[in-house]
Protein backbone atom coordinates (compact mmCIF):
# COMPACT_ATOMS: atom_id res chain seq x y z
CA ASP A 1 -20.42 -18.97 20.36
CA GLY A 2 -21.54 -15.70 19.78
CA GLY A 3 -21.46 -14.51 23.57
CA LYS A 4 -23.50 -16.80 25.18
CA THR A 5 -21.35 -18.67 27.22
CA TRP A 6 -17.98 -17.48 28.58
CA SER A 7 -14.67 -19.45 29.62
CA ASP A 8 -14.12 -18.70 33.43
CA GLU A 9 -12.09 -15.78 34.40
CA ARG A 10 -7.66 -15.44 34.98
CA TYR A 11 -6.18 -12.76 36.08
CA ILE A 12 -3.04 -11.52 33.79
CA ALA A 13 -2.57 -7.73 35.96
CA SER A 14 -2.39 -7.83 39.29
CA GLY A 15 -1.84 -5.31 41.41
CA GLU A 16 -0.04 -7.38 43.99
CA GLY A 17 -2.59 -6.46 46.89
CA LYS A 18 -0.63 -2.79 47.35
CA ASN A 19 -1.57 -0.90 43.71
CA THR A 20 -4.43 0.20 41.76
CA VAL A 21 -5.29 -1.76 38.46
CA ASN A 22 -6.58 1.20 35.83
CA ASN A 23 -7.83 0.70 32.37
CA PRO A 24 -7.36 -1.84 30.54
CA VAL A 25 -7.38 -1.48 26.64
CA MET A 26 -6.23 -4.65 24.01
CA ALA A 27 -5.88 -4.45 20.43
CA VAL A 28 -6.17 -7.41 17.86
CA LEU A 29 -3.60 -7.44 15.48
CA PRO A 30 -3.52 -8.42 11.68
CA GLY A 31 -1.50 -11.77 12.19
CA GLY A 32 -4.11 -12.45 15.45
CA LYS A 33 -1.39 -11.53 18.04
CA ILE A 34 -3.22 -9.40 21.17
CA VAL A 35 -1.30 -6.41 22.63
CA PHE A 36 -2.46 -5.66 26.17
CA VAL A 37 -2.00 -2.63 27.87
CA TRP A 38 -3.03 -1.45 31.58
CA LEU A 39 -1.87 1.03 34.32
CA GLU A 40 -0.82 0.66 38.04
CA ASN A 41 -2.21 3.42 40.18
CA TYR A 42 -2.69 6.61 37.23
CA LYS A 43 1.00 6.48 36.75
CA ARG A 44 2.98 3.16 35.65
CA ILE A 45 2.02 1.67 32.23
CA PHE A 46 2.60 -1.53 31.31
CA CYS A 47 2.27 -3.61 28.30
CA LYS A 48 2.45 -7.46 27.61
CA VAL A 49 0.83 -9.82 24.23
CA SER A 50 -0.57 -12.98 23.36
CA THR A 51 0.41 -15.39 20.54
CA ASP A 52 -2.33 -17.68 21.60
CA GLU A 53 -5.78 -16.03 21.42
CA GLY A 54 -5.10 -14.84 25.36
CA GLU A 55 -4.28 -18.08 26.89
CA THR A 56 -0.32 -17.65 27.88
CA TRP A 57 0.88 -14.16 27.47
CA SER A 58 4.41 -12.76 28.04
CA GLU A 59 6.18 -10.68 30.92
CA ARG A 60 5.12 -7.42 31.79
CA TRP A 61 6.76 -4.25 30.40
CA GLU A 62 6.98 -1.01 31.12
CA ILE A 63 5.94 1.80 28.31
CA GLY A 64 6.33 4.87 30.22
CA GLU A 65 8.60 6.52 27.61
CA GLY A 66 5.32 7.06 25.25
CA PHE A 67 3.87 8.72 27.99
CA GLU A 68 7.18 10.93 29.59
CA GLU A 69 6.54 12.59 26.09
CA PHE A 70 4.04 14.11 26.79
CA ARG A 71 5.87 16.09 29.72
CA PRO A 72 7.37 19.35 27.60
CA ARG A 73 3.39 20.07 26.18
CA TYR A 74 1.79 18.72 29.34
CA ALA A 75 3.23 18.15 32.61
CA TRP A 76 0.79 15.62 33.69
CA THR A 77 0.48 13.78 37.26
CA VAL A 78 -2.33 11.34 36.21
CA THR A 79 -3.34 9.32 33.30
CA ALA A 80 -5.00 6.74 31.61
CA ALA A 81 -5.81 5.08 28.68
CA GLY A 82 -9.44 4.06 27.40
CA PRO A 83 -11.53 2.79 28.81
CA GLY A 84 -12.70 0.73 26.15
CA HIS A 85 -10.30 -1.00 24.03
CA ALA A 86 -7.48 0.47 21.84
CA LEU A 87 -6.94 0.49 17.90
CA ALA A 88 -5.02 -1.57 15.41
CA THR A 89 -4.94 0.22 12.15
CA ASP A 90 -5.13 -1.76 8.41
CA ASN A 91 -1.02 -0.97 8.71
CA GLY A 92 0.14 -2.31 11.60
CA ARG A 93 -0.11 0.76 14.03
CA ILE A 94 -1.23 0.10 17.28
CA LEU A 95 -3.76 3.47 18.58
CA VAL A 96 -4.33 3.56 22.19
CA PRO A 97 -6.69 6.29 23.62
CA VAL A 98 -5.49 8.04 26.39
CA TRP A 99 -6.09 11.35 28.77
CA LEU A 100 -3.76 13.51 31.19
CA ALA A 101 -4.73 15.41 34.14
CA CYS A 102 -2.88 17.70 35.65
CA ASN A 103 -3.34 19.28 39.01
CA ILE A 104 -0.52 19.97 41.08
CA GLU A 105 -2.61 20.97 44.36
CA ASN A 106 -4.31 17.22 44.10
CA ILE A 107 -1.69 14.72 42.21
CA PHE A 108 -4.01 12.14 42.50
CA ALA A 109 -7.08 14.26 41.32
CA HIS A 110 -8.55 13.24 37.42
CA HIS A 111 -8.87 16.80 35.99
CA PRO A 112 -8.27 19.61 34.39
CA SER A 113 -7.75 16.96 31.94
CA VAL A 114 -6.61 16.65 28.36
CA CYS A 115 -7.31 13.89 25.33
CA ALA A 116 -4.79 12.03 22.56
CA THR A 117 -3.45 8.96 21.95
CA VAL A 118 0.19 7.44 21.83
CA TYR A 119 0.75 4.40 19.25
CA SER A 120 2.98 1.32 18.80
CA ASP A 121 4.82 0.57 14.98
CA ASP A 122 6.27 -2.10 16.57
CA GLU A 123 3.72 -5.06 17.61
CA GLY A 124 4.03 -2.69 21.06
CA LEU A 125 7.27 -2.67 21.73
CA THR A 126 8.19 1.20 22.15
CA TRP A 127 5.89 3.60 22.16
CA HIS A 128 5.48 7.40 21.07
CA ALA A 129 2.88 10.13 22.28
CA GLY A 130 0.76 11.93 19.46
CA GLU A 131 -0.96 14.96 19.52
CA ILE A 132 -3.43 16.33 22.18
CA LEU A 133 -6.37 16.74 20.49
CA PRO A 134 -7.37 20.50 20.35
CA THR A 135 -10.20 21.22 22.38
CA GLU A 136 -9.49 24.57 23.11
CA GLN A 137 -11.22 26.22 20.87
CA PHE A 138 -14.42 24.86 21.93
CA GLY A 139 -13.58 25.56 25.79
CA THR A 140 -14.23 22.21 25.89
CA VAL A 141 -14.40 20.84 30.20
CA ASP A 142 -12.16 18.00 31.16
CA PRO A 143 -11.99 16.01 28.01
CA ASN A 144 -10.88 12.41 29.20
CA GLU A 145 -12.15 8.45 27.78
CA SER A 146 -11.95 8.56 24.75
CA CYS A 147 -12.90 5.73 21.34
CA LEU A 148 -11.19 5.06 18.31
CA ALA A 149 -12.48 3.74 15.03
CA GLN A 150 -10.93 3.92 11.76
CA THR A 151 -12.63 4.07 8.53
CA SER A 152 -11.91 5.08 5.00
CA ARG A 153 -11.89 8.64 5.88
CA GLY A 154 -8.91 8.54 8.43
CA ILE A 155 -9.13 8.21 12.78
CA HIS A 156 -11.70 9.08 14.48
CA ILE A 157 -11.92 9.82 17.90
CA ASN A 158 -15.38 10.42 19.70
CA THR A 159 -14.89 11.93 23.87
CA ARG A 160 -16.64 11.98 26.61
CA HIS A 161 -15.98 15.51 28.27
CA VAL A 162 -18.18 18.28 31.74
CA SER A 163 -18.87 20.92 29.36
CA PRO A 164 -22.29 22.25 29.39
CA THR A 165 -22.57 21.03 26.04
CA ARG A 166 -24.38 17.28 26.71
CA ARG A 167 -23.28 15.67 23.38
CA ARG A 168 -20.43 13.31 22.08
CA LEU A 169 -17.17 15.38 20.95
CA THR A 170 -15.86 13.99 17.81
CA ALA A 171 -13.10 14.99 15.31
CA VAL A 172 -10.83 12.92 12.51
CA SER A 173 -7.43 12.79 12.08
CA PRO A 174 -5.59 10.91 9.09
CA THR A 175 -2.94 8.79 10.95
CA GLY A 176 -4.92 9.15 14.52
CA ILE A 177 -1.96 10.63 15.77
CA ASP A 178 -1.87 14.65 14.87
CA GLN A 179 -3.58 16.71 12.29
CA TRP A 180 -7.17 16.69 14.30
CA THR A 181 -9.65 18.42 12.35
CA ASP A 182 -13.54 18.74 11.77
CA LEU A 183 -13.89 19.02 15.68
CA ARG A 184 -17.29 19.20 16.77
CA TYR A 185 -19.98 18.22 19.12
CA ASP A 186 -22.12 15.71 17.04
CA GLU A 187 -25.73 17.18 17.69
CA ASN A 188 -27.58 13.19 17.13
CA LEU A 189 -25.67 11.73 19.76
CA PRO A 190 -26.99 13.19 23.12
CA ASP A 191 -24.29 11.54 26.86
CA PRO A 192 -24.83 12.12 29.95
CA ILE A 193 -20.74 12.87 30.84
CA CYS A 194 -20.11 8.98 30.40
CA ALA A 195 -17.98 6.46 29.06
CA GLY A 196 -18.92 5.06 25.41
CA GLY A 197 -17.47 2.85 23.30
CA MET A 198 -17.19 3.30 19.11
CA CYS A 199 -15.90 0.23 16.30
CA SER A 200 -15.91 0.09 12.45
CA SER A 201 -16.87 -1.93 9.95
CA GLY A 202 -15.49 -0.71 6.51
CA ASP A 203 -17.38 2.53 6.35
CA VAL A 204 -19.89 2.26 8.54
CA LEU A 205 -19.19 3.39 12.51
CA TYR A 206 -20.89 2.47 15.33
CA VAL A 207 -20.92 4.05 18.78
CA SER A 208 -22.39 2.46 22.11
CA ASN A 209 -23.40 4.87 24.33
CA CYS A 210 -26.03 6.14 26.97
CA ASN A 211 -28.45 8.53 24.36
CA SER A 212 -29.38 11.16 27.61
CA GLU A 213 -28.59 14.62 28.51
CA VAL A 214 -29.46 13.88 32.19
CA GLY A 215 -28.21 10.63 33.80
CA ARG A 216 -26.69 7.14 32.80
CA ILE A 217 -29.86 5.77 31.13
CA HIS A 218 -31.03 4.44 27.32
CA VAL A 219 -27.81 2.49 26.82
CA THR A 220 -28.49 2.99 23.11
CA LEU A 221 -26.37 1.33 19.47
CA SER A 222 -26.17 4.26 17.24
CA ARG A 223 -25.17 3.09 13.64
CA SER A 224 -23.38 5.89 11.11
CA ALA A 225 -23.53 5.00 7.03
CA ASP A 226 -21.78 8.09 6.16
CA PHE A 227 -19.10 8.74 8.30
CA GLY A 228 -20.93 10.01 11.46
CA ALA A 229 -23.14 13.01 9.51
CA SER A 230 -26.21 10.67 10.64
CA TRP A 231 -27.21 8.08 13.13
CA ASP A 232 -29.94 5.20 12.96
CA LYS A 233 -30.29 3.64 16.83
CA VAL A 234 -31.97 0.89 18.60
CA GLU A 235 -32.45 1.50 22.70
CA LEU A 236 -30.80 -1.48 24.20
CA ASN A 237 -31.21 -1.14 28.06
CA GLU A 238 -33.47 1.52 29.76
CA SER A 239 -30.88 1.73 32.40
CA GLY A 240 -27.04 2.03 31.51
CA GLY A 241 -23.24 2.68 31.51
CA TYR A 242 -20.01 2.64 30.28
CA SER A 243 -20.43 0.49 27.68
CA ASP A 244 -18.17 -1.18 24.15
CA VAL A 245 -18.84 -2.29 21.03
CA CYS A 246 -17.16 -4.87 18.27
CA VAL A 247 -18.97 -5.84 15.54
CA ASN A 248 -18.25 -9.15 13.89
CA PRO A 249 -16.50 -8.26 10.29
CA VAL A 250 -18.18 -11.72 8.90
CA THR A 251 -21.25 -12.20 9.63
CA GLY A 252 -22.08 -7.95 10.90
CA THR A 253 -23.53 -8.62 13.97
CA ALA A 254 -22.60 -5.82 16.42
CA PHE A 255 -21.89 -6.69 20.20
CA VAL A 256 -22.40 -4.28 22.96
CA VAL A 257 -21.49 -4.94 26.94
CA TYR A 258 -22.68 -2.55 29.13
CA GLU A 259 -23.39 -1.42 32.59
CA SER A 260 -27.29 -1.24 33.87
CA CYS A 261 -29.32 -1.04 36.61
CA GLN A 262 -27.01 1.28 38.17
CA GLU A 263 -23.96 -0.09 36.91
CA THR A 264 -24.74 -3.40 39.14
CA LEU A 265 -24.68 -5.58 36.19
CA ILE A 266 -22.62 -6.31 33.30
CA ARG A 267 -25.11 -7.55 30.20
CA LEU A 268 -24.20 -8.05 27.04
CA ALA A 269 -26.33 -7.46 23.80
CA GLU A 270 -26.32 -8.91 20.45
CA VAL A 271 -27.62 -6.33 17.28
CA ALA A 272 -27.66 -8.41 14.05
CA PRO A 273 -27.31 -6.20 10.84
CA ASP A 274 -30.04 -4.84 8.52
């Protein structure tokens, strides 16, 4: 009913009292299958699927092979997906935005870090590593926690980082796994080092994030009809935190789930189409 009421919660991944369960992401394939990816202790990566809208789930299986493919290029010590959601493209490819950190002195540290994607072309059975986002040309500090969306121009990535430039970092790829181009800081998307969300409806992009350079406040939905060249904005709350966004493809209504009140509450905002 549009987020007005919710079922009881059900646990679908557990650390069994001894492991952390990190950064779950989901993607819905064109046929309705849900692919669910998560991590334990920021090191082991698992997948399971549902074919009945999440009522029941398969047994989990480990998909570390895709992440291991990064090691010749980047000897990561911890890694994570998302946060937010994964992306099922029009051709059925599953893309998961990931970050990887390499710190030999502290193998639990989340920096220094890089961003990339892992992908599956067989509905989550096997996974492979994409190219690492070439942020070194900007001297970007610790890019991490990306989100993805698809338009007719390709796969868009939108990334947080801890550089002095308090703007979201963006790029576009024809495949979502390589050939990243148009890498830039989006001057119209301020960000205080906080995870945001992104999705698309046709060629319209939506981004949810804290529209601020100084703190996790002013959670905002931004809409672009020109592939990110300009954005229309609506503030959803004076406070803010992590967020994610989706759009009902039938009605055009956008839904933003976000942290507020110093990250103590989870709220859902509904934004009607223009």
